[in-house]
Each structure stands twice: as C-alpha cells, then as structure tokens.
Amino acid sequence: MSDIRGLIIQSRLDYIEAKDGGKAYNKVFQKLSEPVRQSVGEQVFPTNLYPFHQLRDLDLAIGESIDQPLESIFREIGSQFAQKTLDRYFFNYLESQDPQKFLAQIDKLYGYLWSFGEYSYQKNKANSASVRFDYDEDIHKTYCWFMQQFLIKGVEMCGGVDVKLDEKECEAEGGGSCTYRISWSK
C-alpha cells in the first residue's frame, strides 16, 4: 500500500474550506466513507503518512461536490500548493529565479514529500526539461492535473515565463509513467 504526506491531503482541505464560504467542506465530507472522514476530518499532520487511497477518495468527493470542471479544480489546487510549498521547501530557487534547480530539487525531496513512486529529471536545454513520475500506485487523472500545475506554477515562481507543459505519457490513461516536457522563456 502506498502512502502520501499529510501536506498533500491538506492542500485539498485548504481548497474546500475556502470554497463557497466553507459550504463545499460539508458537501465533500458527506460523500466520504466513515474511515476516511475520521482520518482526514480531524487534524491532518503535514509530515504524517496517509494511505494514498484516502487522497483518491477525497479527490473523488471533491469532484462530485463542487460544480466546476474537474481539471480546473485540481489545477487550482496544484497552483495553490506550489504557492505554499515553494516558499518553505524551495526558497533558494525562488530567490535565485532558477527553474532548472527547482525541478532538480524535486528529485531530492520527492521521496520525503510524496513518499511513493519515483521522480526523475533531465535538463534538455537552458529553458526546458523533461520530468517523469513512475508511480507504484494506480494514479487518477485529477492527481496528474494537480502535479502538472504544481510544476508549472513552480517554474513560474522560479522565474520561468510563458511556461508550457507537454504531456508525453500519462499513467492514469494507461501509460507506463507520467512524462512531461516543460519549457519556458526568461
């Protein structure tokens, strides 16, 4: 069984608590199974590990409860997550405005922050890179959108302009991994 840090669960809770004056929170929690509701409805500790299936269940409940296209919901969550975590875990790359170092640093922190699967990074040119996620879990597309937007927003925050992410392969859609080419201008 794969686990994920509470930090990722908290990104969803922060989003639904701010949505519709907090009304979305009740809608989402009514759709969760009792064990998941108890686990994520109480205090979520950012560094604790939680079963990945709880995130999948929470994502499904969010999608069923919020009247907005799924992709836009999870891209918004990914963007907000980047804004909160880059200042904490990637501060040096924000200061130096270096997208390549941000993408490379994920390789060093991935096992701690995500605690499942593997991340690899390859610099292509000065303003482009390829990244790959090999998950050891059945991944869901909403999670892919979240991660894509985390990468896009992170590159933007580290100085990348006009950031483009080209999905080459998606594990949620039957691929062997989630592989992206990211490019930007400065």
N, C-alpha and C. Protein backbone atom coordinates (compact mmCIF):
# COMPACT_ATOMS: atom_id res chain seq x y z
N MET A 1 0.84 -1.18 0.00
CA MET A 1 0.00 0.00 0.00
C MET A 1 0.89 1.25 0.00
N SER A 2 0.53 2.20 -0.82
CA SER A 2 1.30 3.45 -0.93
C SER A 2 0.75 4.50 0.00
N ASP A 3 1.66 5.35 0.47
CA ASP A 3 1.29 6.43 1.38
C ASP A 3 1.65 7.77 0.77
N ILE A 4 1.01 8.79 1.30
CA ILE A 4 1.25 10.17 0.86
C ILE A 4 1.30 11.05 2.10
N ARG A 5 2.09 12.10 2.04
CA ARG A 5 2.22 13.00 3.19
C ARG A 5 0.93 13.80 3.40
N GLY A 6 0.68 14.12 4.64
CA GLY A 6 -0.48 14.92 5.00
C GLY A 6 -0.50 16.26 4.31
N LEU A 7 0.65 16.75 3.92
CA LEU A 7 0.75 18.01 3.19
C LEU A 7 -0.10 17.99 1.93
N ILE A 8 -0.15 16.85 1.26
CA ILE A 8 -0.94 16.72 0.03
C ILE A 8 -2.43 16.69 0.37
N ILE A 9 -2.80 15.96 1.42
CA ILE A 9 -4.20 15.93 1.88
C ILE A 9 -4.62 17.35 2.27
N GLN A 10 -3.76 18.04 2.99
CA GLN A 10 -4.08 19.39 3.47
C GLN A 10 -4.33 20.35 2.31
N SER A 11 -3.66 20.13 1.17
CA SER A 11 -3.89 21.01 0.01
C SER A 11 -5.35 20.94 -0.42
N ARG A 12 -5.96 19.77 -0.32
CA ARG A 12 -7.38 19.62 -0.68
C ARG A 12 -8.27 20.26 0.38
N LEU A 13 -7.94 20.04 1.63
CA LEU A 13 -8.75 20.60 2.72
C LEU A 13 -8.72 22.12 2.69
N ASP A 14 -7.56 22.70 2.44
CA ASP A 14 -7.46 24.16 2.33
C ASP A 14 -8.36 24.68 1.22
N TYR A 15 -8.36 23.98 0.11
CA TYR A 15 -9.17 24.39 -1.04
C TYR A 15 -10.67 24.34 -0.71
N ILE A 16 -11.12 23.23 -0.16
CA ILE A 16 -12.57 23.12 0.09
C ILE A 16 -13.03 24.01 1.25
N GLU A 17 -12.15 24.28 2.20
CA GLU A 17 -12.52 25.19 3.30
C GLU A 17 -12.72 26.61 2.79
N ALA A 18 -12.01 26.99 1.73
CA ALA A 18 -12.12 28.34 1.19
C ALA A 18 -13.23 28.46 0.13
N LYS A 19 -13.75 27.34 -0.32
CA LYS A 19 -14.72 27.33 -1.41
C LYS A 19 -16.13 27.59 -0.88
N ASP A 20 -16.85 28.46 -1.53
CA ASP A 20 -18.26 28.74 -1.21
C ASP A 20 -18.47 29.08 0.27
N GLY A 21 -17.57 29.83 0.85
CA GLY A 21 -17.71 30.22 2.25
C GLY A 21 -17.70 29.02 3.18
N GLY A 22 -17.02 27.95 2.79
CA GLY A 22 -16.94 26.75 3.62
C GLY A 22 -18.05 25.75 3.38
N LYS A 23 -19.04 26.07 2.54
CA LYS A 23 -20.16 25.16 2.28
C LYS A 23 -19.70 23.89 1.56
N ALA A 24 -18.68 24.01 0.73
CA ALA A 24 -18.18 22.86 -0.01
C ALA A 24 -17.63 21.80 0.94
N TYR A 25 -17.06 22.24 2.05
CA TYR A 25 -16.48 21.31 3.02
C TYR A 25 -17.50 20.28 3.48
N ASN A 26 -18.69 20.73 3.85
CA ASN A 26 -19.74 19.81 4.31
C ASN A 26 -20.19 18.87 3.20
N LYS A 27 -20.33 19.39 1.99
CA LYS A 27 -20.74 18.56 0.86
C LYS A 27 -19.72 17.45 0.61
N VAL A 28 -18.44 17.82 0.62
CA VAL A 28 -17.38 16.84 0.37
C VAL A 28 -17.38 15.78 1.47
N PHE A 29 -17.46 16.20 2.71
CA PHE A 29 -17.34 15.24 3.81
C PHE A 29 -18.54 14.30 3.90
N GLN A 30 -19.68 14.70 3.42
CA GLN A 30 -20.85 13.81 3.38
C GLN A 30 -20.63 12.66 2.40
N LYS A 31 -19.80 12.86 1.41
CA LYS A 31 -19.57 11.84 0.38
C LYS A 31 -18.44 10.87 0.75
N LEU A 32 -17.69 11.17 1.78
CA LEU A 32 -16.58 10.31 2.19
C LEU A 32 -17.06 9.13 3.02
N SER A 33 -16.37 8.01 2.93
CA SER A 33 -16.66 6.88 3.82
C SER A 33 -16.30 7.29 5.24
N GLU A 34 -16.87 6.63 6.20
CA GLU A 34 -16.64 6.97 7.60
C GLU A 34 -15.15 6.88 7.97
N PRO A 35 -14.42 5.82 7.58
CA PRO A 35 -12.99 5.77 7.94
C PRO A 35 -12.18 6.94 7.36
N VAL A 36 -12.46 7.30 6.12
CA VAL A 36 -11.74 8.41 5.51
C VAL A 36 -12.14 9.72 6.17
N ARG A 37 -13.42 9.88 6.43
CA ARG A 37 -13.91 11.10 7.10
C ARG A 37 -13.22 11.27 8.45
N GLN A 38 -13.11 10.20 9.20
CA GLN A 38 -12.46 10.29 10.51
C GLN A 38 -10.97 10.61 10.37
N SER A 39 -10.32 10.02 9.39
CA SER A 39 -8.89 10.21 9.23
C SER A 39 -8.54 11.63 8.79
N VAL A 40 -9.25 12.15 7.79
CA VAL A 40 -8.90 13.47 7.26
C VAL A 40 -9.76 14.58 7.83
N GLY A 41 -10.80 14.23 8.56
CA GLY A 41 -11.68 15.24 9.15
C GLY A 41 -11.15 15.80 10.45
N GLU A 42 -10.26 15.07 11.06
CA GLU A 42 -9.62 15.57 12.27
C GLU A 42 -8.36 16.30 11.84
N GLN A 43 -7.50 16.60 12.74
CA GLN A 43 -6.29 17.32 12.39
C GLN A 43 -5.40 16.48 11.47
N VAL A 44 -5.01 17.05 10.36
CA VAL A 44 -4.10 16.39 9.43
C VAL A 44 -2.71 16.96 9.70
N PHE A 45 -1.77 16.08 9.94
CA PHE A 45 -0.40 16.50 10.21
C PHE A 45 0.40 16.45 8.92
N PRO A 46 0.99 17.56 8.50
CA PRO A 46 1.66 17.64 7.20
C PRO A 46 2.73 16.58 6.96
N THR A 47 3.45 16.17 8.00
CA THR A 47 4.54 15.21 7.79
C THR A 47 4.11 13.76 8.01
N ASN A 48 2.90 13.54 8.52
CA ASN A 48 2.43 12.17 8.70
C ASN A 48 2.10 11.53 7.37
N LEU A 49 2.17 10.21 7.34
CA LEU A 49 1.80 9.46 6.15
C LEU A 49 0.34 9.03 6.24
N TYR A 50 -0.35 9.13 5.11
CA TYR A 50 -1.75 8.72 4.99
C TYR A 50 -1.86 7.80 3.78
N PRO A 51 -2.74 6.80 3.84
CA PRO A 51 -2.88 5.91 2.69
C PRO A 51 -3.32 6.69 1.44
N PHE A 52 -2.69 6.38 0.31
CA PHE A 52 -2.98 7.08 -0.92
C PHE A 52 -4.46 6.96 -1.30
N HIS A 53 -5.09 5.83 -0.98
CA HIS A 53 -6.50 5.67 -1.34
C HIS A 53 -7.37 6.72 -0.66
N GLN A 54 -6.94 7.25 0.48
CA GLN A 54 -7.72 8.32 1.13
C GLN A 54 -7.70 9.59 0.28
N LEU A 55 -6.56 9.89 -0.32
CA LEU A 55 -6.48 11.05 -1.21
C LEU A 55 -7.37 10.83 -2.43
N ARG A 56 -7.33 9.63 -2.99
CA ARG A 56 -8.17 9.32 -4.15
C ARG A 56 -9.65 9.49 -3.80
N ASP A 57 -10.05 9.01 -2.62
CA ASP A 57 -11.45 9.14 -2.18
C ASP A 57 -11.81 10.61 -1.96
N LEU A 58 -10.90 11.37 -1.38
CA LEU A 58 -11.14 12.79 -1.16
C LEU A 58 -11.26 13.53 -2.49
N ASP A 59 -10.38 13.21 -3.44
CA ASP A 59 -10.45 13.84 -4.75
C ASP A 59 -11.77 13.52 -5.46
N LEU A 60 -12.21 12.29 -5.35
CA LEU A 60 -13.49 11.90 -5.96
C LEU A 60 -14.64 12.68 -5.33
N ALA A 61 -14.65 12.79 -4.01
CA ALA A 61 -15.70 13.54 -3.31
C ALA A 61 -15.67 15.02 -3.68
N ILE A 62 -14.50 15.59 -3.84
CA ILE A 62 -14.39 16.99 -4.26
C ILE A 62 -15.00 17.15 -5.64
N GLY A 63 -14.66 16.26 -6.55
CA GLY A 63 -15.19 16.33 -7.90
C GLY A 63 -16.70 16.20 -7.97
N GLU A 64 -17.26 15.39 -7.09
CA GLU A 64 -18.72 15.19 -7.05
C GLU A 64 -19.45 16.32 -6.35
N SER A 65 -18.75 17.11 -5.57
CA SER A 65 -19.39 18.11 -4.71
C SER A 65 -19.28 19.55 -5.20
N ILE A 66 -18.31 19.82 -6.04
CA ILE A 66 -18.06 21.19 -6.47
C ILE A 66 -18.45 21.32 -7.94
N ASP A 67 -19.31 22.27 -8.20
CA ASP A 67 -19.82 22.49 -9.55
C ASP A 67 -18.82 23.32 -10.36
N GLN A 68 -17.80 22.62 -10.82
CA GLN A 68 -16.72 23.25 -11.58
C GLN A 68 -16.05 22.10 -12.34
N PRO A 69 -15.51 22.33 -13.53
CA PRO A 69 -14.83 21.24 -14.24
C PRO A 69 -13.69 20.66 -13.39
N LEU A 70 -13.57 19.34 -13.41
CA LEU A 70 -12.55 18.66 -12.60
C LEU A 70 -11.15 19.19 -12.86
N GLU A 71 -10.81 19.35 -14.11
CA GLU A 71 -9.45 19.79 -14.42
C GLU A 71 -9.15 21.15 -13.79
N SER A 72 -10.10 22.07 -13.86
CA SER A 72 -9.85 23.40 -13.29
C SER A 72 -9.73 23.35 -11.76
N ILE A 73 -10.51 22.48 -11.11
CA ILE A 73 -10.42 22.32 -9.66
C ILE A 73 -9.01 21.89 -9.26
N PHE A 74 -8.53 20.82 -9.89
CA PHE A 74 -7.27 20.24 -9.44
C PHE A 74 -6.05 21.02 -9.93
N ARG A 75 -6.21 21.76 -11.00
CA ARG A 75 -5.13 22.68 -11.39
C ARG A 75 -5.06 23.84 -10.40
N GLU A 76 -6.20 24.31 -9.94
CA GLU A 76 -6.21 25.37 -8.94
C GLU A 76 -5.57 24.90 -7.64
N ILE A 77 -5.89 23.68 -7.24
CA ILE A 77 -5.29 23.10 -6.02
C ILE A 77 -3.78 22.99 -6.20
N GLY A 78 -3.32 22.54 -7.37
CA GLY A 78 -1.89 22.41 -7.64
C GLY A 78 -1.17 23.74 -7.60
N SER A 79 -1.82 24.76 -8.13
CA SER A 79 -1.23 26.10 -8.11
C SER A 79 -1.11 26.64 -6.69
N GLN A 80 -2.16 26.47 -5.91
CA GLN A 80 -2.14 26.91 -4.51
C GLN A 80 -1.10 26.13 -3.71
N PHE A 81 -0.97 24.84 -4.00
CA PHE A 81 0.01 24.00 -3.32
C PHE A 81 1.43 24.51 -3.60
N ALA A 82 1.69 24.86 -4.85
CA ALA A 82 3.02 25.39 -5.21
C ALA A 82 3.29 26.68 -4.45
N GLN A 83 2.30 27.55 -4.38
CA GLN A 83 2.50 28.82 -3.69
C GLN A 83 2.82 28.61 -2.22
N LYS A 84 2.24 27.59 -1.61
CA LYS A 84 2.50 27.33 -0.18
C LYS A 84 3.80 26.59 0.05
N THR A 85 4.16 25.66 -0.83
CA THR A 85 5.32 24.83 -0.55
C THR A 85 6.64 25.38 -1.08
N LEU A 86 6.60 26.16 -2.15
CA LEU A 86 7.87 26.67 -2.68
C LEU A 86 8.57 27.57 -1.69
N ASP A 87 7.81 28.39 -1.01
CA ASP A 87 8.41 29.28 -0.03
C ASP A 87 9.06 28.49 1.11
N ARG A 88 8.53 27.33 1.40
CA ARG A 88 9.02 26.51 2.51
C ARG A 88 10.16 25.58 2.09
N TYR A 89 10.03 24.91 0.95
CA TYR A 89 10.97 23.85 0.56
C TYR A 89 11.90 24.23 -0.58
N PHE A 90 11.59 25.29 -1.30
CA PHE A 90 12.36 25.65 -2.48
C PHE A 90 12.77 27.12 -2.47
N PHE A 91 12.91 27.68 -1.31
CA PHE A 91 13.18 29.11 -1.14
C PHE A 91 14.39 29.57 -1.94
N ASN A 92 15.48 28.81 -1.93
CA ASN A 92 16.70 29.21 -2.63
C ASN A 92 16.46 29.40 -4.12
N TYR A 93 15.58 28.60 -4.71
CA TYR A 93 15.34 28.67 -6.14
C TYR A 93 14.36 29.79 -6.48
N LEU A 94 13.54 30.16 -5.52
CA LEU A 94 12.72 31.35 -5.69
C LEU A 94 13.63 32.58 -5.72
N GLU A 95 14.55 32.62 -4.78
CA GLU A 95 15.49 33.75 -4.66
C GLU A 95 16.38 33.85 -5.89
N SER A 96 16.90 32.73 -6.35
CA SER A 96 17.84 32.76 -7.49
C SER A 96 17.12 32.78 -8.83
N GLN A 97 15.78 32.60 -8.80
CA GLN A 97 14.99 32.58 -10.02
C GLN A 97 15.57 31.56 -11.01
N ASP A 98 15.68 30.30 -10.55
CA ASP A 98 16.29 29.24 -11.36
C ASP A 98 15.35 28.04 -11.48
N PRO A 99 14.53 27.98 -12.53
CA PRO A 99 13.60 26.87 -12.70
C PRO A 99 14.28 25.50 -12.77
N GLN A 100 15.46 25.43 -13.41
CA GLN A 100 16.14 24.13 -13.53
C GLN A 100 16.49 23.57 -12.15
N LYS A 101 16.97 24.43 -11.28
CA LYS A 101 17.34 23.96 -9.94
C LYS A 101 16.10 23.56 -9.14
N PHE A 102 14.99 24.27 -9.35
CA PHE A 102 13.73 23.87 -8.72
C PHE A 102 13.34 22.46 -9.15
N LEU A 103 13.36 22.20 -10.46
CA LEU A 103 12.98 20.88 -10.96
C LEU A 103 13.95 19.80 -10.48
N ALA A 104 15.23 20.12 -10.40
CA ALA A 104 16.22 19.17 -9.91
C ALA A 104 16.04 18.89 -8.41
N GLN A 105 15.66 19.91 -7.66
CA GLN A 105 15.48 19.75 -6.21
C GLN A 105 14.32 18.81 -5.90
N ILE A 106 13.32 18.78 -6.75
CA ILE A 106 12.21 17.85 -6.53
C ILE A 106 12.74 16.43 -6.45
N ASP A 107 13.75 16.13 -7.27
CA ASP A 107 14.35 14.80 -7.25
C ASP A 107 14.88 14.44 -5.86
N LYS A 108 15.44 15.43 -5.19
CA LYS A 108 16.00 15.20 -3.85
C LYS A 108 14.91 15.11 -2.79
N LEU A 109 13.82 15.84 -2.97
CA LEU A 109 12.76 15.90 -1.95
C LEU A 109 11.57 14.99 -2.23
N TYR A 110 11.50 14.43 -3.43
CA TYR A 110 10.30 13.68 -3.81
C TYR A 110 9.96 12.57 -2.81
N GLY A 111 10.94 11.77 -2.47
CA GLY A 111 10.70 10.65 -1.55
C GLY A 111 10.19 11.09 -0.19
N TYR A 112 10.58 12.28 0.23
CA TYR A 112 10.09 12.78 1.52
C TYR A 112 8.70 13.39 1.38
N LEU A 113 8.51 14.26 0.41
CA LEU A 113 7.24 14.97 0.30
C LEU A 113 6.12 14.08 -0.20
N TRP A 114 6.42 13.16 -1.12
CA TRP A 114 5.37 12.33 -1.70
C TRP A 114 5.39 10.90 -1.18
N SER A 115 6.51 10.37 -0.87
CA SER A 115 6.65 9.08 -0.21
C SER A 115 6.06 7.89 -0.99
N PHE A 116 5.89 8.03 -2.29
CA PHE A 116 5.55 6.88 -3.12
C PHE A 116 5.96 7.16 -4.56
N GLY A 117 6.33 6.12 -5.25
CA GLY A 117 6.77 6.28 -6.63
C GLY A 117 8.14 6.94 -6.72
N GLU A 118 8.53 7.25 -7.94
CA GLU A 118 9.83 7.87 -8.18
C GLU A 118 9.69 9.03 -9.16
N TYR A 119 10.56 10.00 -9.01
CA TYR A 119 10.60 11.18 -9.87
C TYR A 119 11.98 11.23 -10.51
N SER A 120 12.04 11.54 -11.79
CA SER A 120 13.33 11.77 -12.43
C SER A 120 13.26 13.04 -13.27
N TYR A 121 14.40 13.67 -13.38
CA TYR A 121 14.51 14.98 -14.04
C TYR A 121 15.69 14.94 -15.00
N GLN A 122 15.51 15.57 -16.16
CA GLN A 122 16.61 15.71 -17.10
C GLN A 122 16.53 17.09 -17.74
N LYS A 123 17.61 17.83 -17.64
CA LYS A 123 17.70 19.13 -18.30
C LYS A 123 17.87 18.87 -19.79
N ASN A 124 17.04 19.51 -20.62
CA ASN A 124 17.16 19.37 -22.07
C ASN A 124 17.99 20.51 -22.66
N LYS A 125 17.55 21.71 -22.40
CA LYS A 125 18.22 22.94 -22.85
C LYS A 125 18.17 23.91 -21.68
N ALA A 126 18.67 25.11 -21.86
CA ALA A 126 18.67 26.09 -20.78
C ALA A 126 17.26 26.35 -20.26
N ASN A 127 16.26 26.35 -21.14
CA ASN A 127 14.89 26.66 -20.74
C ASN A 127 13.92 25.51 -21.00
N SER A 128 14.40 24.29 -20.87
CA SER A 128 13.48 23.16 -20.96
C SER A 128 14.04 21.95 -20.22
N ALA A 129 13.12 21.12 -19.78
CA ALA A 129 13.49 19.91 -19.05
C ALA A 129 12.43 18.86 -19.27
N SER A 130 12.81 17.62 -19.02
CA SER A 130 11.86 16.51 -19.03
C SER A 130 11.78 15.96 -17.63
N VAL A 131 10.58 15.68 -17.19
CA VAL A 131 10.39 15.06 -15.87
C VAL A 131 9.50 13.84 -16.05
N ARG A 132 9.71 12.89 -15.15
CA ARG A 132 8.97 11.63 -15.24
C ARG A 132 8.62 11.17 -13.83
N PHE A 133 7.39 10.76 -13.69
CA PHE A 133 6.90 10.16 -12.44
C PHE A 133 6.57 8.71 -12.73
N ASP A 134 7.19 7.81 -11.99
CA ASP A 134 6.85 6.39 -12.05
C ASP A 134 6.18 6.05 -10.73
N TYR A 135 4.88 5.90 -10.79
CA TYR A 135 4.10 5.66 -9.58
C TYR A 135 3.98 4.17 -9.31
N ASP A 136 4.00 3.81 -8.06
CA ASP A 136 3.77 2.42 -7.69
C ASP A 136 2.35 2.28 -7.12
N GLU A 137 1.45 3.00 -7.72
CA GLU A 137 0.07 3.09 -7.27
C GLU A 137 -0.80 3.37 -8.50
N ASP A 138 -2.06 2.94 -8.46
CA ASP A 138 -2.99 3.32 -9.53
C ASP A 138 -3.29 4.80 -9.36
N ILE A 139 -2.80 5.57 -10.28
CA ILE A 139 -2.91 7.02 -10.20
C ILE A 139 -4.22 7.45 -10.87
N HIS A 140 -4.79 8.55 -10.44
CA HIS A 140 -6.01 9.08 -11.04
C HIS A 140 -5.70 10.40 -11.73
N LYS A 141 -6.45 10.71 -12.77
CA LYS A 141 -6.15 11.86 -13.63
C LYS A 141 -6.18 13.17 -12.84
N THR A 142 -7.06 13.29 -11.87
CA THR A 142 -7.10 14.54 -11.10
C THR A 142 -5.77 14.76 -10.37
N TYR A 143 -5.14 13.69 -9.94
CA TYR A 143 -3.83 13.81 -9.30
C TYR A 143 -2.78 14.29 -10.31
N CYS A 144 -2.87 13.80 -11.55
CA CYS A 144 -1.94 14.24 -12.60
C CYS A 144 -2.09 15.74 -12.84
N TRP A 145 -3.32 16.22 -12.94
CA TRP A 145 -3.54 17.66 -13.16
C TRP A 145 -2.95 18.47 -12.01
N PHE A 146 -3.14 17.99 -10.79
CA PHE A 146 -2.58 18.64 -9.61
C PHE A 146 -1.05 18.74 -9.73
N MET A 147 -0.40 17.63 -10.06
CA MET A 147 1.07 17.62 -10.17
C MET A 147 1.55 18.47 -11.33
N GLN A 148 0.85 18.42 -12.46
CA GLN A 148 1.23 19.24 -13.61
C GLN A 148 1.22 20.72 -13.22
N GLN A 149 0.15 21.14 -12.56
CA GLN A 149 0.04 22.55 -12.21
C GLN A 149 1.05 22.95 -11.14
N PHE A 150 1.37 22.02 -10.23
CA PHE A 150 2.43 22.28 -9.26
C PHE A 150 3.74 22.58 -9.99
N LEU A 151 4.06 21.79 -11.01
CA LEU A 151 5.29 22.01 -11.78
C LEU A 151 5.25 23.33 -12.54
N ILE A 152 4.14 23.60 -13.21
CA ILE A 152 4.01 24.83 -13.99
C ILE A 152 4.15 26.06 -13.09
N LYS A 153 3.39 26.07 -12.00
CA LYS A 153 3.43 27.22 -11.09
C LYS A 153 4.80 27.35 -10.44
N GLY A 154 5.42 26.23 -10.10
CA GLY A 154 6.76 26.27 -9.52
C GLY A 154 7.78 26.88 -10.46
N VAL A 155 7.75 26.48 -11.73
CA VAL A 155 8.67 27.05 -12.72
C VAL A 155 8.40 28.54 -12.87
N GLU A 156 7.12 28.94 -12.91
CA GLU A 156 6.78 30.37 -12.99
C GLU A 156 7.32 31.14 -11.79
N MET A 157 7.12 30.60 -10.60
CA MET A 157 7.57 31.28 -9.39
C MET A 157 9.09 31.40 -9.32
N CYS A 158 9.78 30.47 -10.00
CA CYS A 158 11.24 30.49 -10.02
C CYS A 158 11.79 31.25 -11.23
N GLY A 159 10.94 32.01 -11.89
CA GLY A 159 11.42 32.89 -12.95
C GLY A 159 11.05 32.51 -14.36
N GLY A 160 10.45 31.35 -14.57
CA GLY A 160 10.05 30.96 -15.91
C GLY A 160 8.86 31.79 -16.38
N VAL A 161 8.90 32.20 -17.63
CA VAL A 161 7.83 32.99 -18.24
C VAL A 161 7.24 32.17 -19.38
N ASP A 162 5.94 32.29 -19.58
CA ASP A 162 5.26 31.57 -20.66
C ASP A 162 5.56 30.07 -20.58
N VAL A 163 5.30 29.49 -19.41
CA VAL A 163 5.61 28.09 -19.14
C VAL A 163 4.64 27.19 -19.90
N LYS A 164 5.19 26.18 -20.56
CA LYS A 164 4.40 25.20 -21.30
C LYS A 164 4.74 23.82 -20.75
N LEU A 165 3.72 23.00 -20.55
CA LEU A 165 3.93 21.62 -20.14
C LEU A 165 3.27 20.74 -21.19
N ASP A 166 4.07 19.89 -21.80
CA ASP A 166 3.59 18.96 -22.83
C ASP A 166 3.59 17.56 -22.24
N GLU A 167 2.40 16.99 -22.12
CA GLU A 167 2.27 15.64 -21.57
C GLU A 167 2.64 14.64 -22.65
N LYS A 168 3.66 13.85 -22.42
CA LYS A 168 4.11 12.84 -23.38
C LYS A 168 3.45 11.49 -23.11
N GLU A 169 3.20 11.21 -21.85
CA GLU A 169 2.62 9.92 -21.46
C GLU A 169 1.94 10.11 -20.11
N CYS A 170 0.82 9.40 -19.90
CA CYS A 170 0.10 9.53 -18.64
C CYS A 170 -0.23 8.14 -18.09
N GLU A 171 0.22 7.89 -16.91
CA GLU A 171 -0.04 6.60 -16.26
C GLU A 171 -1.53 6.40 -15.98
N ALA A 172 -2.24 7.49 -15.67
CA ALA A 172 -3.68 7.40 -15.40
C ALA A 172 -4.47 7.03 -16.65
N GLU A 173 -3.86 7.24 -17.80
CA GLU A 173 -4.52 6.91 -19.07
C GLU A 173 -3.88 5.70 -19.74
N GLY A 174 -3.25 4.84 -18.94
CA GLY A 174 -2.71 3.59 -19.44
C GLY A 174 -1.24 3.59 -19.80
N GLY A 175 -0.56 4.72 -19.66
CA GLY A 175 0.87 4.78 -19.95
C GLY A 175 1.70 4.13 -18.85
N GLY A 176 2.96 3.93 -19.11
CA GLY A 176 3.85 3.32 -18.13
C GLY A 176 4.32 4.29 -17.07
N SER A 177 4.19 5.59 -17.33
CA SER A 177 4.60 6.62 -16.39
C SER A 177 3.88 7.91 -16.75
N CYS A 178 4.08 8.95 -15.95
CA CYS A 178 3.62 10.29 -16.31
C CYS A 178 4.88 11.06 -16.70
N THR A 179 4.98 11.39 -17.99
CA THR A 179 6.17 12.01 -18.52
C THR A 179 5.79 13.34 -19.16
N TYR A 180 6.55 14.39 -18.80
CA TYR A 180 6.25 15.73 -19.28
C TYR A 180 7.51 16.41 -19.78
N ARG A 181 7.33 17.24 -20.80
CA ARG A 181 8.37 18.17 -21.23
C ARG A 181 7.91 19.55 -20.82
N ILE A 182 8.73 20.25 -20.07
CA ILE A 182 8.40 21.59 -19.59
C ILE A 182 9.35 22.57 -20.25
N SER A 183 8.80 23.65 -20.78
CA SER A 183 9.65 24.67 -21.40
C SER A 183 9.15 26.04 -20.95
N TRP A 184 10.03 27.02 -21.02
CA TRP A 184 9.70 28.37 -20.59
C TRP A 184 10.67 29.34 -21.26
N SER A 185 10.35 30.59 -21.19
CA SER A 185 11.28 31.64 -21.63
C SER A 185 11.62 32.48 -20.42
N LYS A 186 12.66 33.28 -20.53
CA LYS A 186 13.04 34.15 -19.40
C LYS A 186 13.09 35.55 -19.85
